[in-house]
Amino acid sequence: MLSSIRTERLAVTLWLGLAWAGPGRAEDLAGARVAAAEGRKAFERNDFTSAIDHFEEAYRLKPAPGLLFNLGQSHRLAGHLDKASFYLGRFLETKPSPALVEETGVLLRRLELEQLRVVGVQRLELEKTRLAIARYDALAASRRLELERALQADWAAHPITTRWWFWGALGVVTAGTAVAIVGLATAPPPARPR
C-alpha cells in the first residue's frame, strides 16, 4: 500500500513529467502551465478547491493525462469521492506507465472502500432518523391514547347532567319555549279576509 504522503507528492510532481506532452497552441500551453503551477501551489497549501479550479483550467487549455491524475487526487483529498474515481479512471484510460497504473489502482481501491464506508455511514444515519421518527410517532400515539382515556374517565366521573353548561343551556331552551308558548297563546287571532 502507498503512504498518503507518497501518493500526495505524486500528484504534485506528476504534472511536471506528463502535463506538456503533445502539440498545442503556444498561448494555450503557456496558460496551462500557469494554471497548473497555481494548482500545484494550492494543492501544497491543502486548498483543494482552488487546486481543482486551477487544474480544470489547465486541462481545458491543454488536456494532458497528468492533469487528470491531479484532478483525481485533489477531488479525493477534498472528499469528492465520486469525482476522484472518475478522474483517476480517466487517467488510467490514457495508458500511463505500469508503476502509475499500479499506484492509481491502489488509490481507486481505497476510494471504493471509502465510498462503501460512506454509504454504510449514510445508511446508519438514515436508520437512526427512521428510529427517531418511529419513537416520536409512538410517543405521540401514547399521548393521544392517554388524552382519550383521561377524557373518557372525566366523562364517566362527571356525566353531562353534572355539567353547569348543560343546565344553563337547558334553562335557556326552556325559557325560550315558555316565551314562545305565552306569545302564541296571547297573540290576537289573525284577521279574516272579507
Protein backbone atom coordinates (compact mmCIF):
# COMPACT_ATOMS: atom_id res chain seq x y z
CA MET A 1 0.00 0.00 0.00
CA LEU A 2 1.09 3.57 -0.63
CA SER A 3 1.61 6.00 2.15
CA SER A 4 -0.63 9.04 1.83
CA ILE A 5 2.41 11.34 1.72
CA ARG A 6 3.93 9.50 -1.24
CA THR A 7 0.62 9.47 -3.09
CA GLU A 8 0.05 13.17 -2.49
CA ARG A 9 3.57 14.02 -3.68
CA LEU A 10 2.97 12.00 -6.82
CA ALA A 11 0.09 14.30 -7.65
CA VAL A 12 2.24 17.37 -7.15
CA THR A 13 5.22 16.15 -9.17
CA LEU A 14 3.35 14.23 -11.87
CA TRP A 15 2.29 17.38 -13.67
CA LEU A 16 5.94 18.15 -14.44
CA GLY A 17 6.53 14.98 -16.40
CA LEU A 18 3.18 14.43 -18.10
CA ALA A 19 1.31 17.69 -18.42
CA TRP A 20 3.01 19.03 -21.54
CA ALA A 21 3.14 16.02 -23.86
CA GLY A 22 1.93 16.61 -27.40
CA PRO A 23 1.43 19.64 -29.63
CA GLY A 24 -0.70 22.67 -28.80
CA ARG A 25 -1.02 26.40 -29.34
CA ALA A 26 1.72 28.36 -27.61
CA GLU A 27 -0.65 30.66 -25.69
CA ASP A 28 -2.76 27.68 -24.52
CA LEU A 29 0.36 25.86 -23.41
CA ALA A 30 1.62 28.93 -21.51
CA GLY A 31 -1.80 29.45 -19.87
CA ALA A 32 -1.99 25.78 -18.96
CA ARG A 33 1.45 25.91 -17.35
CA VAL A 34 0.46 28.93 -15.27
CA ALA A 35 -2.84 27.33 -14.22
CA ALA A 36 -1.09 24.03 -13.37
CA ALA A 37 1.55 25.86 -11.32
CA GLU A 38 -1.19 27.70 -9.41
CA GLY A 39 -2.98 24.38 -8.92
CA ARG A 40 0.20 22.83 -7.54
CA LYS A 41 0.64 25.74 -5.10
CA ALA A 42 -2.98 25.45 -3.94
CA PHE A 43 -2.54 21.68 -3.58
CA GLU A 44 0.55 22.20 -1.41
CA ARG A 45 -1.47 24.62 0.78
CA ASN A 46 -4.17 21.93 1.11
CA ASP A 47 -6.59 24.28 -0.67
CA PHE A 48 -8.01 21.51 -2.80
CA THR A 49 -10.99 23.52 -4.07
CA SER A 50 -8.65 26.09 -5.63
CA ALA A 51 -6.36 23.33 -6.86
CA ILE A 52 -9.32 21.71 -8.63
CA ASP A 53 -10.27 25.01 -10.28
CA HIS A 54 -6.71 25.61 -11.49
CA PHE A 55 -6.17 22.04 -12.71
CA GLU A 56 -9.51 22.14 -14.57
CA GLU A 57 -8.47 25.38 -16.26
CA ALA A 58 -5.10 23.86 -17.19
CA TYR A 59 -6.82 20.74 -18.56
CA ARG A 60 -9.24 22.88 -20.57
CA LEU A 61 -6.29 24.66 -22.18
CA LYS A 62 -4.11 21.55 -22.58
CA PRO A 63 -5.74 18.17 -21.91
CA ALA A 64 -2.70 16.35 -20.53
CA PRO A 65 -3.04 12.99 -18.71
CA GLY A 66 -1.14 14.17 -15.64
CA LEU A 67 -3.80 16.79 -15.01
CA LEU A 68 -6.44 14.04 -14.85
CA PHE A 69 -4.42 12.41 -12.10
CA ASN A 70 -4.03 15.74 -10.29
CA LEU A 71 -7.77 16.37 -10.54
CA GLY A 72 -8.43 12.90 -9.14
CA GLN A 73 -6.07 13.48 -6.23
CA SER A 74 -7.46 16.94 -5.49
CA HIS A 75 -11.03 15.66 -5.52
CA ARG A 76 -10.04 12.69 -3.33
CA LEU A 77 -8.44 14.92 -0.73
CA ALA A 78 -11.39 17.37 -0.92
CA GLY A 79 -13.71 14.45 -0.11
CA HIS A 80 -15.37 14.27 -3.55
CA LEU A 81 -15.04 10.50 -3.85
CA ASP A 82 -17.16 10.01 -6.99
CA LYS A 83 -15.32 12.72 -8.92
CA ALA A 84 -11.96 11.39 -7.72
CA SER A 85 -12.84 7.92 -9.03
CA PHE A 86 -13.97 9.44 -12.32
CA TYR A 87 -10.74 11.38 -12.92
CA LEU A 88 -8.45 8.56 -11.80
CA GLY A 89 -10.34 6.17 -14.08
CA ARG A 90 -9.93 8.62 -16.97
CA PHE A 91 -6.22 8.83 -16.13
CA LEU A 92 -5.91 5.04 -16.40
CA GLU A 93 -7.55 5.20 -19.86
CA THR A 94 -4.54 7.25 -21.05
CA LYS A 95 -2.31 4.15 -20.63
CA PRO A 96 0.25 5.53 -18.14
CA SER A 97 3.37 3.63 -17.10
CA PRO A 98 2.91 0.33 -15.21
CA ALA A 99 4.07 1.94 -11.96
CA LEU A 100 1.47 4.68 -12.28
CA VAL A 101 -1.19 2.12 -13.21
CA GLU A 102 -0.39 0.21 -10.01
CA GLU A 103 -0.40 3.31 -7.80
CA THR A 104 -3.60 4.62 -9.39
CA GLY A 105 -5.21 1.19 -8.96
CA VAL A 106 -4.37 1.28 -5.25
CA LEU A 107 -5.94 4.73 -4.99
CA LEU A 108 -9.07 3.55 -6.78
CA ARG A 109 -9.39 0.56 -4.41
CA ARG A 110 -9.02 2.91 -1.44
CA LEU A 111 -11.69 5.15 -2.91
CA GLU A 112 -14.05 2.21 -3.36
CA LEU A 113 -13.55 1.20 0.27
CA GLU A 114 -14.10 4.77 1.42
CA GLN A 115 -17.25 5.03 -0.70
CA LEU A 116 -18.55 1.81 0.85
CA ARG A 117 -17.79 3.21 4.30
CA VAL A 118 -19.58 6.46 3.49
CA VAL A 119 -22.60 4.58 2.16
CA GLY A 120 -22.62 2.48 5.34
CA VAL A 121 -22.50 5.60 7.50
CA GLN A 122 -25.28 7.20 5.44
CA ARG A 123 -27.43 4.08 5.86
CA LEU A 124 -26.74 4.11 9.59
CA GLU A 125 -27.75 7.78 9.80
CA LEU A 126 -30.90 7.03 7.81
CA GLU A 127 -31.80 4.20 10.18
CA LYS A 128 -31.16 6.47 13.17
CA THR A 129 -33.52 9.04 11.65
CA ARG A 130 -36.17 6.38 10.98
CA LEU A 131 -35.89 5.16 14.57
CA ALA A 132 -36.19 8.71 15.91
CA ILE A 133 -39.32 9.25 13.81
CA ALA A 134 -40.77 5.93 14.95
CA ARG A 135 -40.07 6.87 18.60
CA TYR A 136 -41.74 10.24 18.09
CA ASP A 137 -44.77 8.61 16.43
CA ALA A 138 -45.02 6.09 19.27
CA LEU A 139 -44.79 8.84 21.87
CA ALA A 140 -47.45 10.91 20.07
CA ALA A 141 -49.76 7.87 19.84
CA SER A 142 -49.20 7.16 23.53
CA ARG A 143 -50.07 10.75 24.45
CA ARG A 144 -53.20 10.66 22.27
CA LEU A 145 -54.29 7.45 23.99
CA GLU A 146 -53.65 8.98 27.44
CA LEU A 147 -55.71 12.02 26.50
CA GLU A 148 -58.58 9.89 25.17
CA ARG A 149 -58.57 7.79 28.33
CA ALA A 150 -58.48 10.91 30.51
CA LEU A 151 -61.44 12.36 28.60
CA GLN A 152 -63.37 9.09 28.89
CA ALA A 153 -62.64 8.92 32.61
CA ASP A 154 -63.70 12.54 33.04
CA TRP A 155 -66.97 11.93 31.20
CA ALA A 156 -67.60 8.77 33.21
CA ALA A 157 -66.90 10.54 36.50
CA HIS A 158 -68.85 13.63 35.56
CA PRO A 159 -71.84 12.83 33.34
CA ILE A 160 -73.37 15.56 31.27
CA THR A 161 -76.12 16.17 33.82
CA THR A 162 -73.48 17.33 36.32
CA ARG A 163 -72.08 20.00 33.99
CA TRP A 164 -73.08 23.64 34.64
CA TRP A 165 -73.31 24.47 30.98
CA PHE A 166 -75.80 21.65 30.40
CA TRP A 167 -78.22 23.15 32.92
CA GLY A 168 -77.59 26.65 31.62
CA ALA A 169 -78.39 25.60 28.06
CA LEU A 170 -81.45 23.65 29.24
CA GLY A 171 -82.66 26.76 31.11
CA VAL A 172 -82.23 28.94 28.00
CA VAL A 173 -84.14 26.44 25.86
CA THR A 174 -86.88 26.10 28.46
CA ALA A 175 -87.23 29.87 28.87
CA GLY A 176 -87.33 30.34 25.10
CA THR A 177 -90.00 27.68 24.76
CA ALA A 178 -92.08 29.24 27.55
CA VAL A 179 -91.83 32.70 25.96
CA ALA A 180 -92.88 31.26 22.60
CA ILE A 181 -95.87 29.44 24.10
CA VAL A 182 -97.02 32.51 26.05
CA GLY A 183 -96.52 34.68 22.97
CA LEU A 184 -98.60 32.36 20.80
CA ALA A 185 -101.31 31.96 23.45
CA THR A 186 -101.75 35.69 24.00
CA ALA A 187 -101.46 36.81 20.40
CA PRO A 188 -104.64 38.17 18.81
CA PRO A 189 -106.17 35.93 16.20
CA PRO A 190 -105.32 36.71 12.62
CA ALA A 191 -107.80 38.85 10.71
CA ARG A 192 -110.06 37.04 8.30
CA PRO A 193 -110.47 38.30 4.82
CA ARG A 194 -113.98 39.57 3.96
